[in-house]
Amino acid sequence: MPITMAYYSTGTSYGSATNTEKSLPSSTTSTGRSSIASTGVYQLYMDLTNMATSDEFRLRWYETVNDLATSGYGTFLDQTFVGPQSPPIFVSPAFTLCCGWDITMALTTGSVRSLTWCIRKIA
């Protein structure tokens, strides 16, 4: 199966509202729970070159345990990036996602930044 760029941005601004999570795949403000149910193995690539010393961003991955559950939805990865990154390109592990997932980014401190990213579908 070919690798595809399932979702991407050539420069999404983060930070207009501090601590407001923005869904990467849907480009909207998010509470984490999403209706993205496109099953596959996904991996995030993000260019953090624009981060400055005072910046702090929070990246969260959400998934539903199964599509029959009314509960069991939550964060399975919560990562914080502080200041300039070395190396500046972040590559996540690949995760198997299905039943209602999302990946969000929020500025927790610092200034509005434009970040380029893509979510690749591996299988």
Protein backbone atom coordinates (compact mmCIF):
# COMPACT_ATOMS: atom_id res chain seq x y z
CA MET A 1 0.00 0.00 0.00
CA PRO A 2 1.38 3.43 -0.89
CA ILE A 3 2.16 6.06 1.70
CA THR A 4 -0.12 9.08 1.34
CA MET A 5 -0.21 12.56 2.85
CA ALA A 6 -3.66 12.20 4.44
CA TYR A 7 -3.73 15.66 6.09
CA TYR A 8 -1.32 18.58 5.83
CA SER A 9 -0.77 22.29 6.35
CA THR A 10 1.69 24.59 4.68
CA GLY A 11 1.54 27.00 7.61
CA THR A 12 -1.14 26.87 10.28
CA SER A 13 -1.02 29.65 12.89
CA TYR A 14 -1.23 28.62 16.53
CA GLY A 15 -1.60 30.90 19.50
CA SER A 16 -4.46 33.29 18.80
CA ALA A 17 -6.13 31.86 21.90
CA THR A 18 -3.70 30.45 24.47
CA ASN A 19 -4.43 26.87 25.58
CA THR A 20 -7.07 26.40 22.89
CA GLU A 21 -6.54 23.07 21.16
CA LYS A 22 -6.68 23.15 17.40
CA SER A 23 -7.33 19.92 15.51
CA LEU A 24 -4.64 19.27 12.94
CA PRO A 25 -6.76 17.09 10.60
CA SER A 26 -9.87 19.29 10.67
CA SER A 27 -8.20 22.72 11.22
CA THR A 28 -10.83 23.67 13.79
CA THR A 29 -10.89 24.37 17.51
CA SER A 30 -11.19 21.00 19.22
CA THR A 31 -12.18 19.51 22.54
CA GLY A 32 -10.28 16.40 21.55
CA ARG A 33 -13.24 14.22 20.62
CA SER A 34 -13.42 13.96 16.87
CA SER A 35 -15.45 12.13 14.29
CA ILE A 36 -12.35 11.25 12.25
CA ALA A 37 -12.86 7.54 11.74
CA SER A 38 -10.57 6.95 8.79
CA THR A 39 -8.83 3.73 9.81
CA GLY A 40 -5.11 3.37 9.22
CA VAL A 41 -1.58 3.68 10.50
CA TYR A 42 -0.70 7.37 10.81
CA GLN A 43 2.50 9.29 11.52
CA LEU A 44 2.92 13.02 12.17
CA TYR A 45 5.77 15.10 10.72
CA MET A 46 6.01 18.66 12.05
CA ASP A 47 8.44 21.50 11.36
CA LEU A 48 9.09 23.34 14.62
CA THR A 49 11.75 25.69 13.18
CA ASN A 50 9.68 28.81 14.01
CA MET A 51 9.64 28.17 17.77
CA ALA A 52 11.32 30.81 19.95
CA THR A 53 12.76 30.64 23.48
CA SER A 54 9.51 31.77 25.14
CA ASP A 55 7.26 29.35 23.21
CA GLU A 56 5.61 26.24 24.60
CA PHE A 57 3.30 24.06 22.54
CA ARG A 58 1.27 21.04 23.64
CA LEU A 59 0.56 18.18 21.23
CA ARG A 60 -2.15 15.65 22.09
CA TRP A 61 -3.31 12.47 20.36
CA TYR A 62 -6.83 11.18 21.10
CA GLU A 63 -8.45 7.85 20.24
CA THR A 64 -11.58 5.86 21.06
CA VAL A 65 -11.06 2.38 22.48
CA ASN A 66 -13.72 0.93 20.17
CA ASP A 67 -16.55 2.30 18.07
CA LEU A 68 -19.19 0.56 20.21
CA ALA A 69 -18.15 2.25 23.44
CA THR A 70 -19.91 5.31 24.78
CA SER A 71 -16.86 5.94 26.93
CA GLY A 72 -13.23 5.00 26.51
CA TYR A 73 -12.24 8.09 24.53
CA GLY A 74 -9.22 10.00 25.67
CA THR A 75 -5.65 11.14 25.35
CA PHE A 76 -3.06 8.47 24.67
CA LEU A 77 -0.12 10.77 23.98
CA ASP A 78 0.48 14.19 25.53
CA GLN A 79 3.72 15.89 24.57
CA THR A 80 5.11 19.38 25.23
CA PHE A 81 7.65 21.25 23.10
CA VAL A 82 9.50 24.09 24.86
CA GLY A 83 11.66 26.65 23.05
CA PRO A 84 13.68 26.07 19.89
CA GLN A 85 13.85 22.40 18.98
CA SER A 86 16.96 20.53 17.92
CA PRO A 87 16.47 18.90 15.54
CA PRO A 88 13.61 21.15 14.42
CA ILE A 89 11.68 18.40 12.61
CA PHE A 90 9.51 16.25 14.88
CA VAL A 91 8.53 12.78 13.67
CA SER A 92 6.04 10.88 15.83
CA PRO A 93 5.84 7.14 16.19
CA ALA A 94 3.32 5.51 13.85
CA PHE A 95 -0.03 4.72 15.49
CA THR A 96 -2.93 2.51 14.42
CA LEU A 97 -6.03 4.71 14.58
CA CYS A 98 -9.66 4.02 13.78
CA CYS A 99 -12.83 4.59 15.78
CA GLY A 100 -12.81 8.38 16.27
CA TRP A 101 -9.42 10.01 16.64
CA ASP A 102 -7.80 13.44 16.59
CA ILE A 103 -4.42 15.14 16.93
CA THR A 104 -4.43 18.62 18.47
CA MET A 105 -1.88 21.38 19.02
CA ALA A 106 -2.16 24.31 21.45
CA LEU A 107 0.10 27.20 22.39
CA THR A 108 0.47 27.24 26.19
CA THR A 109 2.90 30.20 26.39
CA GLY A 110 4.65 32.41 23.87
CA SER A 111 3.69 34.11 20.64
CA VAL A 112 1.59 33.18 17.63
CA ARG A 113 3.61 30.88 15.38
CA SER A 114 3.03 29.35 11.97
CA LEU A 115 3.87 25.65 11.82
CA THR A 116 4.04 23.34 8.83
CA TRP A 117 3.04 19.71 9.30
CA CYS A 118 1.67 16.61 7.61
CA ILE A 119 0.00 13.43 8.80
CA ARG A 120 1.04 10.50 6.63
CA LYS A 121 -1.10 7.43 6.23
CA ILE A 122 1.21 4.44 6.05
CA ALA A 123 -1.36 1.66 5.67
